[in-house]
């Protein structure tokens, strides 16, 4: 697979295939930053074998990924994990209960 190939992530991909994809992306970020595996490992506080494992899509720990993204100045990737908070159905029902059922005109 060519590193510049566009891959569409979908739910049909296996976990292994997704980890391989993430690993290749991490490798390309490292190369773009002009860092060796050893340099990235030292700056991220992980072993070189951890960097190798991540780049090969094996044995990824979130802590290692975050540390490596920090060194690569790519923490903004984690913004994709942001989700909108949903209002609890119980809270909606509770608020609905506080609304008047019928509004009568005022006679002043």
N, C-alpha and C. Protein backbone atom coordinates (compact mmCIF):
# COMPACT_ATOMS: atom_id res chain seq x y z
N UNK A 1 0.84 -1.19 0.00
CA UNK A 1 0.00 0.00 0.00
C UNK A 1 0.88 1.24 0.00
N UNK A 2 0.60 2.16 -0.85
CA UNK A 2 1.32 3.42 -0.93
C UNK A 2 0.86 4.32 0.21
N UNK A 3 1.81 4.97 0.91
CA UNK A 3 1.46 5.78 2.07
C UNK A 3 0.57 6.97 1.73
N UNK A 4 0.64 7.45 0.51
CA UNK A 4 -0.17 8.60 0.13
C UNK A 4 -1.55 8.22 -0.37
N UNK A 5 -1.83 6.93 -0.44
CA UNK A 5 -3.14 6.48 -0.91
C UNK A 5 -4.22 6.95 0.05
N UNK A 6 -5.36 7.32 -0.51
CA UNK A 6 -6.49 7.75 0.31
C UNK A 6 -7.26 6.51 0.74
N UNK A 7 -7.44 6.36 2.03
CA UNK A 7 -8.19 5.23 2.56
C UNK A 7 -9.43 5.78 3.23
N UNK A 8 -10.55 5.22 2.86
CA UNK A 8 -11.80 5.61 3.50
C UNK A 8 -12.03 4.68 4.67
N UNK A 9 -12.09 5.23 5.86
CA UNK A 9 -12.32 4.45 7.05
C UNK A 9 -13.81 4.11 7.09
N UNK A 10 -14.11 2.85 7.30
CA UNK A 10 -15.50 2.48 7.44
C UNK A 10 -15.64 1.35 8.46
N UNK A 11 -16.86 1.04 8.78
CA UNK A 11 -17.15 0.05 9.81
C UNK A 11 -16.90 -1.38 9.34
N UNK A 12 -16.63 -1.57 8.07
CA UNK A 12 -16.34 -2.90 7.56
C UNK A 12 -14.88 -3.27 7.75
N UNK A 13 -14.05 -2.28 8.06
CA UNK A 13 -12.63 -2.56 8.30
C UNK A 13 -12.49 -3.30 9.62
N UNK A 14 -11.59 -4.24 9.65
CA UNK A 14 -11.31 -4.95 10.90
C UNK A 14 -10.54 -4.03 11.84
N UNK A 15 -10.54 -4.38 13.11
CA UNK A 15 -9.74 -3.62 14.07
C UNK A 15 -8.27 -3.64 13.68
N UNK A 16 -7.81 -4.79 13.21
CA UNK A 16 -6.41 -4.91 12.78
C UNK A 16 -6.10 -3.95 11.64
N UNK A 17 -7.01 -3.86 10.67
CA UNK A 17 -6.80 -2.95 9.54
C UNK A 17 -6.79 -1.49 10.00
N UNK A 18 -7.65 -1.15 10.94
CA UNK A 18 -7.68 0.22 11.46
C UNK A 18 -6.40 0.56 12.22
N UNK A 19 -5.90 -0.40 13.00
CA UNK A 19 -4.65 -0.17 13.73
C UNK A 19 -3.48 -0.02 12.75
N UNK A 20 -3.48 -0.80 11.67
CA UNK A 20 -2.45 -0.66 10.64
C UNK A 20 -2.51 0.73 10.02
N UNK A 21 -3.71 1.20 9.76
CA UNK A 21 -3.90 2.53 9.18
C UNK A 21 -3.37 3.61 10.12
N UNK A 22 -3.75 3.53 11.40
CA UNK A 22 -3.28 4.50 12.38
C UNK A 22 -1.76 4.47 12.46
N UNK A 23 -1.21 3.27 12.48
CA UNK A 23 0.25 3.12 12.55
C UNK A 23 0.96 3.79 11.38
N UNK A 24 0.43 3.58 10.18
CA UNK A 24 1.05 4.19 8.99
C UNK A 24 0.93 5.71 9.03
N UNK A 25 -0.19 6.21 9.54
CA UNK A 25 -0.35 7.65 9.67
C UNK A 25 0.65 8.23 10.68
N UNK A 26 0.83 7.52 11.79
CA UNK A 26 1.80 7.96 12.80
C UNK A 26 3.21 7.96 12.20
N UNK A 27 3.52 6.93 11.43
CA UNK A 27 4.83 6.85 10.79
C UNK A 27 5.04 8.03 9.84
N UNK A 28 4.01 8.34 9.05
CA UNK A 28 4.14 9.45 8.11
C UNK A 28 4.28 10.79 8.84
N UNK A 29 3.58 10.95 9.95
CA UNK A 29 3.73 12.19 10.74
C UNK A 29 5.16 12.32 11.26
N UNK A 30 5.72 11.20 11.72
CA UNK A 30 7.10 11.21 12.22
C UNK A 30 8.07 11.58 11.11
N UNK A 31 7.89 10.96 9.94
CA UNK A 31 8.76 11.24 8.81
C UNK A 31 8.63 12.70 8.38
N UNK A 32 7.40 13.21 8.33
CA UNK A 32 7.18 14.61 7.98
C UNK A 32 7.85 15.56 8.97
N UNK A 33 7.92 15.14 10.24
CA UNK A 33 8.57 15.95 11.27
C UNK A 33 10.09 15.78 11.25
N UNK A 34 10.57 14.92 10.34
CA UNK A 34 12.00 14.66 10.18
C UNK A 34 12.64 14.13 11.47
N UNK A 35 11.93 13.20 12.09
CA UNK A 35 12.42 12.57 13.31
C UNK A 35 12.67 11.09 13.05
N UNK A 36 13.73 10.58 13.67
CA UNK A 36 13.95 9.14 13.63
C UNK A 36 13.04 8.50 14.68
N UNK A 37 12.89 7.20 14.61
CA UNK A 37 12.11 6.51 15.63
C UNK A 37 12.72 6.75 17.01
N UNK A 38 14.04 6.73 17.09
CA UNK A 38 14.72 6.93 18.37
C UNK A 38 14.47 8.34 18.90
N UNK A 39 14.53 9.34 18.03
CA UNK A 39 14.29 10.72 18.47
C UNK A 39 12.87 10.89 18.99
N UNK A 40 11.91 10.35 18.27
CA UNK A 40 10.52 10.44 18.71
C UNK A 40 10.34 9.73 20.04
N UNK A 41 10.92 8.56 20.16
CA UNK A 41 10.81 7.78 21.40
C UNK A 41 11.36 8.57 22.58
N UNK A 42 12.54 9.14 22.43
CA UNK A 42 13.16 9.89 23.53
C UNK A 42 12.32 11.09 23.93
N UNK A 43 11.83 11.83 22.95
CA UNK A 43 11.03 13.02 23.24
C UNK A 43 9.66 12.69 23.82
N UNK A 44 9.11 11.55 23.44
CA UNK A 44 7.78 11.15 23.93
C UNK A 44 7.87 10.36 25.23
N UNK A 45 9.08 9.97 25.63
CA UNK A 45 9.24 9.22 26.87
C UNK A 45 8.78 7.77 26.73
N UNK A 46 8.95 7.22 25.54
CA UNK A 46 8.61 5.81 25.30
C UNK A 46 9.84 5.14 24.69
N UNK A 47 9.80 3.84 24.59
CA UNK A 47 10.93 3.12 24.00
C UNK A 47 10.83 3.16 22.47
N UNK A 48 11.97 2.94 21.81
CA UNK A 48 11.96 2.89 20.36
C UNK A 48 11.10 1.72 19.88
N UNK A 49 11.11 0.62 20.63
CA UNK A 49 10.28 -0.53 20.23
C UNK A 49 8.79 -0.18 20.30
N UNK A 50 8.42 0.72 21.23
CA UNK A 50 7.02 1.17 21.29
C UNK A 50 6.66 1.93 20.02
N UNK A 51 7.55 2.81 19.59
CA UNK A 51 7.31 3.55 18.34
C UNK A 51 7.18 2.58 17.18
N UNK A 52 8.06 1.60 17.12
CA UNK A 52 8.00 0.59 16.06
C UNK A 52 6.68 -0.17 16.10
N UNK A 53 6.27 -0.57 17.29
CA UNK A 53 5.00 -1.30 17.44
C UNK A 53 3.82 -0.46 16.98
N UNK A 54 3.80 0.80 17.39
CA UNK A 54 2.71 1.70 16.99
C UNK A 54 2.68 1.82 15.47
N UNK A 55 3.84 2.06 14.87
CA UNK A 55 3.91 2.24 13.42
C UNK A 55 3.53 0.96 12.67
N UNK A 56 3.69 -0.18 13.31
CA UNK A 56 3.31 -1.46 12.70
C UNK A 56 1.88 -1.86 13.07
N UNK A 57 1.17 -1.00 13.80
CA UNK A 57 -0.22 -1.29 14.17
C UNK A 57 -0.34 -2.34 15.24
N UNK A 58 0.67 -2.48 16.07
CA UNK A 58 0.68 -3.50 17.12
C UNK A 58 0.85 -2.83 18.48
N UNK A 59 0.18 -3.36 19.48
CA UNK A 59 0.41 -2.97 20.87
C UNK A 59 0.30 -1.50 21.17
N UNK A 60 -0.73 -0.85 20.66
CA UNK A 60 -0.88 0.59 20.90
C UNK A 60 -1.56 0.85 22.24
N UNK A 61 -0.94 1.71 23.04
CA UNK A 61 -1.56 2.21 24.26
C UNK A 61 -1.91 3.67 24.01
N UNK A 62 -3.05 4.07 24.50
CA UNK A 62 -3.47 5.47 24.30
C UNK A 62 -2.43 6.44 24.87
N UNK A 63 -1.85 6.10 26.00
CA UNK A 63 -0.85 6.97 26.61
C UNK A 63 0.33 7.19 25.67
N UNK A 64 0.76 6.13 25.00
CA UNK A 64 1.87 6.26 24.04
C UNK A 64 1.45 7.09 22.84
N UNK A 65 0.25 6.85 22.34
CA UNK A 65 -0.24 7.62 21.19
C UNK A 65 -0.31 9.11 21.53
N UNK A 66 -0.85 9.43 22.69
CA UNK A 66 -0.97 10.84 23.09
C UNK A 66 0.41 11.47 23.24
N UNK A 67 1.34 10.76 23.86
CA UNK A 67 2.70 11.29 24.02
C UNK A 67 3.35 11.53 22.67
N UNK A 68 3.17 10.61 21.74
CA UNK A 68 3.77 10.77 20.41
C UNK A 68 3.09 11.91 19.64
N UNK A 69 1.77 12.02 19.73
CA UNK A 69 1.07 13.13 19.07
C UNK A 69 1.52 14.47 19.63
N UNK A 70 1.77 14.53 20.92
CA UNK A 70 2.24 15.77 21.55
C UNK A 70 3.58 16.19 20.94
N UNK A 71 4.51 15.26 20.83
CA UNK A 71 5.83 15.56 20.26
C UNK A 71 5.71 15.98 18.80
N UNK A 72 4.79 15.35 18.08
CA UNK A 72 4.61 15.63 16.67
C UNK A 72 3.74 16.87 16.41
N UNK A 73 3.33 17.55 17.49
CA UNK A 73 2.46 18.73 17.39
C UNK A 73 1.17 18.42 16.63
N UNK A 74 0.57 17.28 16.96
CA UNK A 74 -0.64 16.83 16.29
C UNK A 74 -1.77 16.52 17.28
N UNK A 75 -1.73 17.11 18.46
CA UNK A 75 -2.78 16.85 19.45
C UNK A 75 -4.17 17.24 18.95
N UNK A 76 -4.23 18.14 17.99
CA UNK A 76 -5.54 18.57 17.48
C UNK A 76 -6.32 17.40 16.86
N UNK A 77 -5.63 16.34 16.50
CA UNK A 77 -6.31 15.15 15.98
C UNK A 77 -7.32 14.63 17.01
N UNK A 78 -7.01 14.81 18.28
CA UNK A 78 -7.89 14.33 19.33
C UNK A 78 -9.19 15.11 19.41
N UNK A 79 -9.26 16.26 18.75
CA UNK A 79 -10.52 17.02 18.71
C UNK A 79 -11.63 16.21 18.05
N UNK A 80 -11.26 15.25 17.22
CA UNK A 80 -12.26 14.41 16.57
C UNK A 80 -13.01 13.52 17.57
N UNK A 81 -12.49 13.40 18.78
CA UNK A 81 -13.17 12.63 19.80
C UNK A 81 -14.27 13.43 20.48
N UNK A 82 -14.33 14.72 20.22
CA UNK A 82 -15.32 15.58 20.87
C UNK A 82 -16.73 15.21 20.39
N UNK A 83 -17.61 15.08 21.34
CA UNK A 83 -19.01 14.81 21.01
C UNK A 83 -19.89 15.84 21.70
N UNK A 84 -21.07 16.03 21.16
CA UNK A 84 -22.02 16.94 21.78
C UNK A 84 -22.76 16.21 22.88
N UNK A 85 -22.90 16.87 24.01
CA UNK A 85 -23.62 16.26 25.12
C UNK A 85 -25.11 16.22 24.78
N UNK A 86 -25.71 15.08 25.01
CA UNK A 86 -27.14 14.95 24.78
C UNK A 86 -27.88 15.22 26.09
N UNK A 87 -29.04 15.79 25.98
CA UNK A 87 -29.85 16.05 27.15
C UNK A 87 -30.53 14.75 27.54
N UNK A 88 -30.49 14.45 28.80
CA UNK A 88 -31.09 13.22 29.32
C UNK A 88 -32.59 13.22 29.07
N UNK A 89 -33.16 12.09 28.61
CA UNK A 89 -34.61 11.99 28.43
C UNK A 89 -35.36 12.24 29.75
N UNK A 90 -34.75 11.84 30.88
CA UNK A 90 -35.38 12.07 32.18
C UNK A 90 -35.45 13.57 32.48
N UNK A 91 -34.39 14.30 32.12
CA UNK A 91 -34.38 15.74 32.34
C UNK A 91 -35.43 16.41 31.46
N UNK A 92 -35.57 15.96 30.24
CA UNK A 92 -36.59 16.53 29.33
C UNK A 92 -37.98 16.31 29.91
N UNK A 93 -38.24 15.09 30.38
CA UNK A 93 -39.55 14.77 30.96
C UNK A 93 -39.81 15.62 32.19
N UNK A 94 -38.77 15.83 32.98
CA UNK A 94 -38.91 16.64 34.20
C UNK A 94 -39.23 18.08 33.84
N UNK A 95 -38.55 18.61 32.82
CA UNK A 95 -38.80 19.98 32.39
C UNK A 95 -40.18 20.12 31.75
N UNK A 96 -40.60 19.10 31.04
CA UNK A 96 -41.93 19.13 30.43
C UNK A 96 -43.00 19.18 31.52
N UNK A 97 -42.76 18.51 32.62
CA UNK A 97 -43.71 18.48 33.73
C UNK A 97 -43.89 19.84 34.37
N UNK A 98 -42.93 20.75 34.22
CA UNK A 98 -43.02 22.08 34.82
C UNK A 98 -43.78 23.06 33.95
N UNK A 99 -44.05 22.72 32.70
CA UNK A 99 -44.77 23.62 31.81
C UNK A 99 -46.25 23.54 32.11
N UNK A 100 -46.91 24.67 32.07
CA UNK A 100 -48.36 24.63 32.29
C UNK A 100 -49.03 23.88 31.13
N UNK A 101 -50.05 23.13 31.47
CA UNK A 101 -50.75 22.36 30.44
C UNK A 101 -51.66 23.25 29.60
N UNK A 102 -52.18 24.30 30.23
CA UNK A 102 -53.11 25.17 29.52
C UNK A 102 -52.86 26.59 30.01
N UNK A 103 -52.84 27.52 29.10
CA UNK A 103 -52.65 28.92 29.47
C UNK A 103 -53.97 29.64 29.25
N UNK A 104 -54.46 30.27 30.29
CA UNK A 104 -55.73 31.01 30.22
C UNK A 104 -55.41 32.49 30.06
N UNK A 105 -56.20 33.16 29.27
CA UNK A 105 -55.97 34.60 29.12
C UNK A 105 -56.24 35.31 30.45
N UNK A 106 -55.46 36.34 30.67
CA UNK A 106 -55.64 37.13 31.90
C UNK A 106 -56.72 38.17 31.67
N UNK A 107 -57.55 38.35 32.66
CA UNK A 107 -58.59 39.38 32.59
C UNK A 107 -58.23 40.46 33.61
N UNK A 108 -57.63 41.52 33.11
CA UNK A 108 -57.22 42.60 34.02
C UNK A 108 -58.29 43.63 34.18
